[in-house]
Amino acid sequence: MEPKTRETAPHDLILESRSRLTVTGVRRVIRCDPDGAALELAGCVLELTGGELSVTALDLEKGEAKLAGRIDALEYAEARTPGGFLRRLVR
């Protein structure tokens, strides 16, 4: 039996010359500062690190975000459930 994986909605990443990134499937921008950004996708969070980062275009109806700057790393993280700590505490 194969391990059960969490289903996520499709999304795409297009990285051009490590300086321009287009992400589809974006639900919201959690944070964006010159040193990093976090984008919420369906079921996960995409963390970016780099320098001089900025959101150049955002269309949440289409689920598309464009970022510019130096992109050093992209990392996926599990989406946290709201009230996770307190919810586990009262179980």
PDB file of N, CA and C in Angstrom:
ATOM      1  N   MET A   1       0.844  -1.177   0.000  1.00  0.00           N
ATOM      2  CA  MET A   1       0.000   0.000   0.000  1.00  0.00           C
ATOM      3  C   MET A   1       0.889   1.240   0.000  1.00  0.00           C
ATOM      4  N   GLU A   2       0.569   2.195  -0.851  1.00  0.00           N
ATOM      5  CA  GLU A   2       1.351   3.422  -0.952  1.00  0.00           C
ATOM      6  C   GLU A   2       1.002   4.383   0.178  1.00  0.00           C
ATOM      7  N   PRO A   3       1.987   5.196   0.629  1.00  0.00           N
ATOM      8  CA  PRO A   3       1.673   6.168   1.679  1.00  0.00           C
ATOM      9  C   PRO A   3       0.671   7.192   1.185  1.00  0.00           C
ATOM     10  N   LYS A   4      -0.199   7.604   2.073  1.00  0.00           N
ATOM     11  CA  LYS A   4      -1.226   8.588   1.734  1.00  0.00           C
ATOM     12  C   LYS A   4      -0.582   9.973   1.679  1.00  0.00           C
ATOM     13  N   THR A   5      -0.778  10.676   0.574  1.00  0.00           N
ATOM     14  CA  THR A   5      -0.231  12.025   0.432  1.00  0.00           C
ATOM     15  C   THR A   5      -1.368  13.023   0.466  1.00  0.00           C
ATOM     16  N   ARG A   6      -1.057  14.205   0.937  1.00  0.00           N
ATOM     17  CA  ARG A   6      -2.054  15.270   1.001  1.00  0.00           C
ATOM     18  C   ARG A   6      -2.268  15.829  -0.404  1.00  0.00           C
ATOM     19  N   GLU A   7      -3.508  15.878  -0.829  1.00  0.00           N
ATOM     20  CA  GLU A   7      -3.810  16.403  -2.155  1.00  0.00           C
ATOM     21  C   GLU A   7      -3.726  17.920  -2.153  1.00  0.00           C
ATOM     22  N   THR A   8      -3.127  18.436  -3.188  1.00  0.00           N
ATOM     23  CA  THR A   8      -3.058  19.879  -3.353  1.00  0.00           C
ATOM     24  C   THR A   8      -3.583  20.227  -4.739  1.00  0.00           C
ATOM     25  N   ALA A   9      -4.113  21.422  -4.856  1.00  0.00           N
ATOM     26  CA  ALA A   9      -4.566  21.890  -6.161  1.00  0.00           C
ATOM     27  C   ALA A   9      -3.329  22.152  -7.018  1.00  0.00           C
ATOM     28  N   PRO A  10      -3.455  21.994  -8.307  1.00  0.00           N
ATOM     29  CA  PRO A  10      -2.306  22.216  -9.171  1.00  0.00           C
ATOM     30  C   PRO A  10      -1.815  23.662  -9.108  1.00  0.00           C
ATOM     31  N   HIS A  11      -0.519  23.799  -9.187  1.00  0.00           N
ATOM     32  CA  HIS A  11       0.090  25.122  -9.263  1.00  0.00           C
ATOM     33  C   HIS A  11       1.367  24.988 -10.076  1.00  0.00           C
ATOM     34  N   ASP A  12       1.836  26.106 -10.584  1.00  0.00           N
ATOM     35  CA  ASP A  12       3.051  26.119 -11.392  1.00  0.00           C
ATOM     36  C   ASP A  12       3.992  27.192 -10.885  1.00  0.00           C
ATOM     37  N   LEU A  13       5.280  26.935 -11.047  1.00  0.00           N
ATOM     38  CA  LEU A  13       6.321  27.908 -10.742  1.00  0.00           C
ATOM     39  C   LEU A  13       7.127  28.123 -12.010  1.00  0.00           C
ATOM     40  N   ILE A  14       7.297  29.376 -12.388  1.00  0.00           N
ATOM     41  CA  ILE A  14       8.136  29.715 -13.543  1.00  0.00           C
ATOM     42  C   ILE A  14       9.206  30.675 -13.040  1.00  0.00           C
ATOM     43  N   LEU A  15      10.436  30.202 -13.017  1.00  0.00           N
ATOM     44  CA  LEU A  15      11.560  30.998 -12.528  1.00  0.00           C
ATOM     45  C   LEU A  15      12.430  31.388 -13.715  1.00  0.00           C
ATOM     46  N   GLU A  16      12.628  32.684 -13.877  1.00  0.00           N
ATOM     47  CA  GLU A  16      13.422  33.198 -14.986  1.00  0.00           C
ATOM     48  C   GLU A  16      14.678  33.876 -14.447  1.00  0.00           C
ATOM     49  N   SER A  17      15.833  33.323 -14.792  1.00  0.00           N
ATOM     50  CA  SER A  17      17.141  33.906 -14.442  1.00  0.00           C
ATOM     51  C   SER A  17      17.294  34.187 -12.949  1.00  0.00           C
ATOM     52  N   ARG A  18      16.658  33.420 -12.113  1.00  0.00           N
ATOM     53  CA  ARG A  18      16.698  33.590 -10.654  1.00  0.00           C
ATOM     54  C   ARG A  18      16.299  34.989 -10.199  1.00  0.00           C
ATOM     55  N   SER A  19      15.616  35.747 -11.056  1.00  0.00           N
ATOM     56  CA  SER A  19      15.246  37.108 -10.670  1.00  0.00           C
ATOM     57  C   SER A  19      13.760  37.418 -10.860  1.00  0.00           C
ATOM     58  N   ARG A  20      13.033  36.572 -11.588  1.00  0.00           N
ATOM     59  CA  ARG A  20      11.596  36.769 -11.791  1.00  0.00           C
ATOM     60  C   ARG A  20      10.900  35.428 -11.585  1.00  0.00           C
ATOM     61  N   LEU A  21       9.879  35.445 -10.729  1.00  0.00           N
ATOM     62  CA  LEU A  21       9.145  34.219 -10.424  1.00  0.00           C
ATOM     63  C   LEU A  21       7.659  34.463 -10.624  1.00  0.00           C
ATOM     64  N   THR A  22       7.012  33.566 -11.351  1.00  0.00           N
ATOM     65  CA  THR A  22       5.565  33.576 -11.508  1.00  0.00           C
ATOM     66  C   THR A  22       5.034  32.312 -10.845  1.00  0.00           C
ATOM     67  N   VAL A  23       4.047  32.480  -9.970  1.00  0.00           N
ATOM     68  CA  VAL A  23       3.449  31.356  -9.254  1.00  0.00           C
ATOM     69  C   VAL A  23       1.955  31.371  -9.521  1.00  0.00           C
ATOM     70  N   THR A  24       1.404  30.238  -9.939  1.00  0.00           N
ATOM     71  CA  THR A  24      -0.038  30.118 -10.097  1.00  0.00           C
ATOM     72  C   THR A  24      -0.572  29.248  -8.966  1.00  0.00           C
ATOM     73  N   GLY A  25      -1.871  29.321  -8.723  1.00  0.00           N
ATOM     74  CA  GLY A  25      -2.484  28.557  -7.646  1.00  0.00           C
ATOM     75  C   GLY A  25      -2.360  29.239  -6.296  1.00  0.00           C
ATOM     76  N   VAL A  26      -2.092  30.544  -6.300  1.00  0.00           N
ATOM     77  CA  VAL A  26      -1.893  31.304  -5.061  1.00  0.00           C
ATOM     78  C   VAL A  26      -3.241  31.676  -4.459  1.00  0.00           C
ATOM     79  N   ARG A  27      -3.396  31.408  -3.175  1.00  0.00           N
ATOM     80  CA  ARG A  27      -4.620  31.806  -2.462  1.00  0.00           C
ATOM     81  C   ARG A  27      -4.435  33.143  -1.760  1.00  0.00           C
ATOM     82  N   ARG A  28      -3.244  33.372  -1.189  1.00  0.00           N
ATOM     83  CA  ARG A  28      -2.962  34.670  -0.568  1.00  0.00           C
ATOM     84  C   ARG A  28      -1.465  34.807  -0.341  1.00  0.00           C
ATOM     85  N   VAL A  29      -1.030  36.040  -0.191  1.00  0.00           N
ATOM     86  CA  VAL A  29       0.352  36.334   0.169  1.00  0.00           C
ATOM     87  C   VAL A  29       0.379  36.487   1.690  1.00  0.00           C
ATOM     88  N   ILE A  30       1.095  35.615   2.359  1.00  0.00           N
ATOM     89  CA  ILE A  30       1.180  35.662   3.816  1.00  0.00           C
ATOM     90  C   ILE A  30       2.101  36.790   4.242  1.00  0.00           C
ATOM     91  N   ARG A  31       3.247  36.881   3.589  1.00  0.00           N
ATOM     92  CA  ARG A  31       4.182  37.974   3.881  1.00  0.00           C
ATOM     93  C   ARG A  31       5.108  38.162   2.689  1.00  0.00           C
ATOM     94  N   CYS A  32       5.638  39.363   2.575  1.00  0.00           N
ATOM     95  CA  CYS A  32       6.649  39.659   1.565  1.00  0.00           C
ATOM     96  C   CYS A  32       7.483  40.819   2.082  1.00  0.00           C
ATOM     97  N   ASP A  33       8.761  40.579   2.244  1.00  0.00           N
ATOM     98  CA  ASP A  33       9.699  41.632   2.617  1.00  0.00           C
ATOM     99  C   ASP A  33      10.936  41.452   1.739  1.00  0.00           C
ATOM    100  N   PRO A  34      11.889  42.365   1.795  1.00  0.00           N
ATOM    101  CA  PRO A  34      13.036  42.268   0.893  1.00  0.00           C
ATOM    102  C   PRO A  34      13.854  40.977   1.016  1.00  0.00           C
ATOM    103  N   ASP A  35      13.789  40.296   2.166  1.00  0.00           N
ATOM    104  CA  ASP A  35      14.594  39.088   2.362  1.00  0.00           C
ATOM    105  C   ASP A  35      13.838  37.785   2.145  1.00  0.00           C
ATOM    106  N   GLY A  36      12.519  37.833   2.011  1.00  0.00           N
ATOM    107  CA  GLY A  36      11.767  36.598   1.833  1.00  0.00           C
ATOM    108  C   GLY A  36      10.287  36.839   1.641  1.00  0.00           C
ATOM    109  N   ALA A  37       9.601  35.765   1.290  1.00  0.00           N
ATOM    110  CA  ALA A  37       8.157  35.841   1.081  1.00  0.00           C
ATOM    111  C   ALA A  37       7.550  34.483   1.399  1.00  0.00           C
ATOM    112  N   ALA A  38       6.259  34.486   1.683  1.00  0.00           N
ATOM    113  CA  ALA A  38       5.507  33.256   1.907  1.00  0.00           C
ATOM    114  C   ALA A  38       4.174  33.377   1.193  1.00  0.00           C
ATOM    115  N   LEU A  39       3.873  32.398   0.359  1.00  0.00           N
ATOM    116  CA  LEU A  39       2.631  32.376  -0.407  1.00  0.00           C
ATOM    117  C   LEU A  39       1.831  31.154  -0.015  1.00  0.00           C
ATOM    118  N   GLU A  40       0.542  31.354   0.264  1.00  0.00           N
ATOM    119  CA  GLU A  40      -0.324  30.224   0.593  1.00  0.00           C
ATOM    120  C   GLU A  40      -0.885  29.643  -0.685  1.00  0.00           C
ATOM    121  N   LEU A  41      -0.638  28.355  -0.870  1.00  0.00           N
ATOM    122  CA  LEU A  41      -1.204  27.601  -1.979  1.00  0.00           C
ATOM    123  C   LEU A  41      -2.220  26.640  -1.372  1.00  0.00           C
ATOM    124  N   ALA A  42      -2.873  25.850  -2.164  1.00  0.00           N
ATOM    125  CA  ALA A  42      -3.850  24.894  -1.630  1.00  0.00           C
ATOM    126  C   ALA A  42      -3.109  23.789  -0.886  1.00  0.00           C
ATOM    127  N   GLY A  43      -3.262  23.749   0.436  1.00  0.00           N
ATOM    128  CA  GLY A  43      -2.675  22.685   1.232  1.00  0.00           C
ATOM    129  C   GLY A  43      -1.230  22.850   1.622  1.00  0.00           C
ATOM    130  N   CYS A  44      -0.565  23.909   1.161  1.00  0.00           N
ATOM    131  CA  CYS A  44       0.832  24.105   1.530  1.00  0.00           C
ATOM    132  C   CYS A  44       1.191  25.592   1.445  1.00  0.00           C
ATOM    133  N   VAL A  45       2.386  25.888   1.928  1.00  0.00           N
ATOM    134  CA  VAL A  45       2.908  27.246   1.882  1.00  0.00           C
ATOM    135  C   VAL A  45       4.229  27.198   1.126  1.00  0.00           C
ATOM    136  N   LEU A  46       4.424  28.124   0.209  1.00  0.00           N
ATOM    137  CA  LEU A  46       5.673  28.238  -0.523  1.00  0.00           C
ATOM    138  C   LEU A  46       6.489  29.352   0.112  1.00  0.00           C
ATOM    139  N   GLU A  47       7.657  29.005   0.664  1.00  0.00           N
ATOM    140  CA  GLU A  47       8.557  29.972   1.309  1.00  0.00           C
ATOM    141  C   GLU A  47       9.676  30.308   0.335  1.00  0.00           C
ATOM    142  N   LEU A  48       9.951  31.605   0.173  1.00  0.00           N
ATOM    143  CA  LEU A  48      11.034  32.056  -0.686  1.00  0.00           C
ATOM    144  C   LEU A  48      12.041  32.824   0.143  1.00  0.00           C
ATOM    145  N   THR A  49      13.305  32.652  -0.153  1.00  0.00           N
ATOM    146  CA  THR A  49      14.342  33.484   0.458  1.00  0.00           C
ATOM    147  C   THR A  49      15.174  34.079  -0.658  1.00  0.00           C
ATOM    148  N   GLY A  50      15.688  35.258  -0.394  1.00  0.00           N
ATOM    149  CA  GLY A  50      16.487  35.938  -1.404  1.00  0.00           C
ATOM    150  C   GLY A  50      16.828  37.343  -0.961  1.00  0.00           C
ATOM    151  N   GLY A  51      16.892  38.246  -1.904  1.00  0.00           N
ATOM    152  CA  GLY A  51      17.215  39.629  -1.610  1.00  0.00           C
ATOM    153  C   GLY A  51      16.468  40.568  -2.527  1.00  0.00           C
ATOM    154  N   GLU A  52      16.121  41.713  -2.002  1.00  0.00           N
ATOM    155  CA  GLU A  52      15.407  42.749  -2.751  1.00  0.00           C
ATOM    156  C   GLU A  52      14.136  42.211  -3.410  1.00  0.00           C
ATOM    157  N   LEU A  53      13.425  41.332  -2.695  1.00  0.00           N
ATOM    158  CA  LEU A  53      12.205  40.741  -3.240  1.00  0.00           C
ATOM    159  C   LEU A  53      11.025  41.701  -3.130  1.00  0.00           C
ATOM    160  N   SER A  54      10.167  41.654  -4.132  1.00  0.00           N
ATOM    161  CA  SER A  54       8.934  42.443  -4.107  1.00  0.00           C
ATOM    162  C   SER A  54       7.898  41.752  -4.987  1.00  0.00           C
ATOM    163  N   VAL A  55       6.636  41.941  -4.639  1.00  0.00           N
ATOM    164  CA  VAL A  55       5.536  41.443  -5.456  1.00  0.00           C
ATOM    165  C   VAL A  55       5.283  42.492  -6.529  1.00  0.00           C
ATOM    166  N   THR A  56       5.436  42.108  -7.781  1.00  0.00           N
ATOM    167  CA  THR A  56       5.229  43.062  -8.873  1.00  0.00           C
ATOM    168  C   THR A  56       3.824  43.011  -9.434  1.00  0.00           C
ATOM    169  N   ALA A  57       3.158  41.851  -9.288  1.00  0.00           N
ATOM    170  CA  ALA A  57       1.769  41.710  -9.759  1.00  0.00           C
ATOM    171  C   ALA A  57       1.082  40.645  -8.912  1.00  0.00           C
ATOM    172  N   LEU A  58      -0.183  40.902  -8.582  1.00  0.00           N
ATOM    173  CA  LEU A  58      -0.953  39.959  -7.798  1.00  0.00           C
ATOM    174  C   LEU A  58      -2.395  39.972  -8.296  1.00  0.00           C
ATOM    175  N   ASP A  59      -2.893  38.808  -8.696  1.00  0.00           N
ATOM    176  CA  ASP A  59      -4.279  38.665  -9.124  1.00  0.00           C
ATOM    177  C   ASP A  59      -4.837  37.428  -8.427  1.00  0.00           C
ATOM    178  N   LEU A  60      -5.509  37.635  -7.304  1.00  0.00           N
ATOM    179  CA  LEU A  60      -6.022  36.508  -6.532  1.00  0.00           C
ATOM    180  C   LEU A  60      -7.215  35.832  -7.197  1.00  0.00           C
ATOM    181  N   GLU A  61      -7.921  36.539  -8.067  1.00  0.00           N
ATOM    182  CA  GLU A  61      -9.012  35.902  -8.803  1.00  0.00           C
ATOM    183  C   GLU A  61      -8.460  34.822  -9.733  1.00  0.00           C
ATOM    184  N   LYS A  62      -7.331  35.102 -10.372  1.00  0.00           N
ATOM    185  CA  LYS A  62      -6.664  34.115 -11.226  1.00  0.00           C
ATOM    186  C   LYS A  62      -5.743  33.208 -10.410  1.00  0.00           C
ATOM    187  N   GLY A  63      -5.413  33.641  -9.188  1.00  0.00           N
ATOM    188  CA  GLY A  63      -4.493  32.872  -8.359  1.00  0.00           C
ATOM    189  C   GLY A  63      -3.061  32.992  -8.817  1.00  0.00           C
ATOM    190  N   GLU A  64      -2.671  34.183  -9.273  1.00  0.00           N
ATOM    191  CA  GLU A  64      -1.331  34.364  -9.827  1.00  0.00           C
ATOM    192  C   GLU A  64      -0.585  35.484  -9.112  1.00  0.00           C
ATOM    193  N   ALA A  65       0.679  35.213  -8.793  1.00  0.00           N
ATOM    194  CA  ALA A  65       1.555  36.216  -8.189  1.00  0.00           C
ATOM    195  C   ALA A  65       2.860  36.251  -8.963  1.00  0.00           C
ATOM    196  N   LYS A  66       3.394  37.463  -9.144  1.00  0.00           N
ATOM    197  CA  LYS A  66       4.690  37.632  -9.793  1.00  0.00           C
ATOM    198  C   LYS A  66       5.592  38.360  -8.817  1.00  0.00           C
ATOM    199  N   LEU A  67       6.789  37.836  -8.647  1.00  0.00           N
ATOM    200  CA  LEU A  67       7.768  38.433  -7.747  1.00  0.00           C
ATOM    201  C   LEU A  67       9.042  38.722  -8.513  1.00  0.00           C
ATOM    202  N   ALA A  68       9.757  39.746  -8.063  1.00  0.00           N
ATOM    203  CA  ALA A  68      11.031  40.104  -8.676  1.00  0.00           C
ATOM    204  C   ALA A  68      12.058  40.292  -7.573  1.00  0.00           C
ATOM    205  N   GLY A  69      13.315  40.093  -7.898  1.00  0.00           N
ATOM    206  CA  GLY A  69      14.422  40.220  -6.958  1.00  0.00           C
ATOM    207  C   GLY A  69      15.330  39.010  -7.086  1.00  0.00           C
ATOM    208  N   ARG A  70      16.287  38.880  -6.206  1.00  0.00           N
ATOM    209  CA  ARG A  70      17.192  37.731  -6.222  1.00  0.00           C
ATOM    210  C   ARG A  70      16.542  36.584  -5.450  1.00  0.00           C
ATOM    211  N   ILE A  71      16.330  35.468  -6.110  1.00  0.00           N
ATOM    212  CA  ILE A  71      15.695  34.324  -5.480  1.00  0.00           C
ATOM    213  C   ILE A  71      16.762  33.273  -5.207  1.00  0.00           C
ATOM    214  N   ASP A  72      16.988  32.995  -3.909  1.00  0.00           N
ATOM    215  CA  ASP A  72      18.014  32.036  -3.513  1.00  0.00           C
ATOM    216  C   ASP A  72      17.453  30.649  -3.250  1.00  0.00           C
ATOM    217  N   ALA A  73      16.247  30.565  -2.690  1.00  0.00           N
ATOM    218  CA  ALA A  73      15.695  29.253  -2.346  1.00  0.00           C
ATOM    219  C   ALA A  73      14.179  29.276  -2.371  1.00  0.00           C
ATOM    220  N   LEU A  74      13.603  28.130  -2.724  1.00  0.00           N
ATOM    221  CA  LEU A  74      12.164  27.897  -2.697  1.00  0.00           C
ATOM    222  C   LEU A  74      11.947  26.652  -1.844  1.00  0.00           C
ATOM    223  N   GLU A  75      11.007  26.720  -0.905  1.00  0.00           N
ATOM    224  CA  GLU A  75      10.768  25.584  -0.026  1.00  0.00           C
ATOM    225  C   GLU A  75       9.275  25.461   0.266  1.00  0.00           C
ATOM    226  N   TYR A  76       8.788  24.227   0.218  1.00  0.00           N
ATOM    227  CA  TYR A  76       7.398  23.965   0.563  1.00  0.00           C
ATOM    228  C   TYR A  76       7.293  23.611   2.042  1.00  0.00           C
ATOM    229  N   ALA A  77       6.235  24.100   2.678  1.00  0.00           N
ATOM    230  CA  ALA A  77       5.957  23.767   4.077  1.00  0.00           C
ATOM    231  C   ALA A  77       4.482  23.399   4.174  1.00  0.00           C
ATOM    232  N   GLU A  78       4.153  22.568   5.149  1.00  0.00           N
ATOM    233  CA  GLU A  78       2.765  22.198   5.378  1.00  0.00           C
ATOM    234  C   GLU A  78       1.971  23.419   5.818  1.00  0.00           C
ATOM    235  N   ALA A  79       0.747  23.529   5.345  1.00  0.00           N
ATOM    236  CA  ALA A  79      -0.124  24.620   5.789  1.00  0.00           C
ATOM    237  C   ALA A  79      -0.544  24.331   7.221  1.00  0.00           C
ATOM    238  N   ARG A  80      -0.500  25.321   8.059  1.00  0.00           N
ATOM    239  CA  ARG A  80      -0.889  25.146   9.458  1.00  0.00           C
ATOM    240  C   ARG A  80      -2.390  25.326   9.590  1.00  0.00           C
ATOM    241  N   THR A  81      -2.966  24.540  10.484  1.00  0.00           N
ATOM    242  CA  THR A  81      -4.395  24.678  10.725  1.00  0.00           C
ATOM    243  C   THR A  81      -4.617  25.792  11.738  1.00  0.00           C
ATOM    244  N   PRO A  82      -5.656  26.594  11.573  1.00  0.00           N
ATOM    245  CA  PRO A  82      -5.917  27.677  12.520  1.00  0.00           C
ATOM    246  C   PRO A  82      -6.180  27.121  13.915  1.00  0.00           C
ATOM    247  N   GLY A  83      -5.605  27.766  14.902  1.00  0.00           N
ATOM    248  CA  GLY A  83      -5.808  27.343  16.280  1.00  0.00           C
ATOM    249  C   GLY A  83      -5.204  25.987  16.576  1.00  0.00           C
ATOM    250  N   GLY A  84      -4.174  25.609  15.855  1.00  0.00           N
ATOM    251  CA  GLY A  84      -3.591  24.281  15.980  1.00  0.00           C
ATOM    252  C   GLY A  84      -3.150  23.923  17.379  1.00  0.00           C
ATOM    253  N   PHE A  85      -2.396  24.782  18.045  1.00  0.00           N
ATOM    254  CA  PHE A  85      -1.888  24.475  19.379  1.00  0.00           C
ATOM    255  C   PHE A  85      -3.031  24.352  20.381  1.00  0.00           C
ATOM    256  N   LEU A  86      -3.927  25.333  20.397  1.00  0.00           N
ATOM    257  CA  LEU A  86      -5.046  25.281  21.344  1.00  0.00           C
ATOM    258  C   LEU A  86      -5.973  24.116  21.049  1.00  0.00           C
ATOM    259  N   ARG A  87      -6.186  23.826  19.789  1.00  0.00           N
ATOM    260  CA  ARG A  87      -7.054  22.712  19.417  1.00  0.00           C
ATOM    261  C   ARG A  87      -6.473  21.392  19.940  1.00  0.00           C
ATOM    262  N   ARG A  88      -5.137  21.208  19.809  1.00  0.00           N
ATOM    263  CA  ARG A  88      -4.512  19.998  20.324  1.00  0.00           C
ATOM    264  C   ARG A  88      -4.533  19.961  21.836  1.00  0.00           C
ATOM    265  N   LEU A  89      -4.440  21.108  22.462  1.00  0.00           N
ATOM    266  CA  LEU A  89      -4.409  21.192  23.908  1.00  0.00           C
ATOM    267  C   LEU A  89      -5.733  20.765  24.536  1.00  0.00           C
ATOM    268  N   VAL A  90      -6.864  21.119  23.921  1.00  0.00           N
ATOM    269  CA  VAL A  90      -8.171  20.814  24.516  1.00  0.00           C
ATOM    270  C   VAL A  90      -8.732  19.463  24.075  1.00  0.00           C
ATOM    271  N   ARG A  91      -8.049  18.748  23.233  1.00  0.00           N
ATOM    272  CA  ARG A  91      -8.531  17.432  22.796  1.00  0.00           C
ATOM    273  C   ARG A  91      -8.509  16.435  23.898  1.00  0.00           C
TER     274      ARG A  91
END
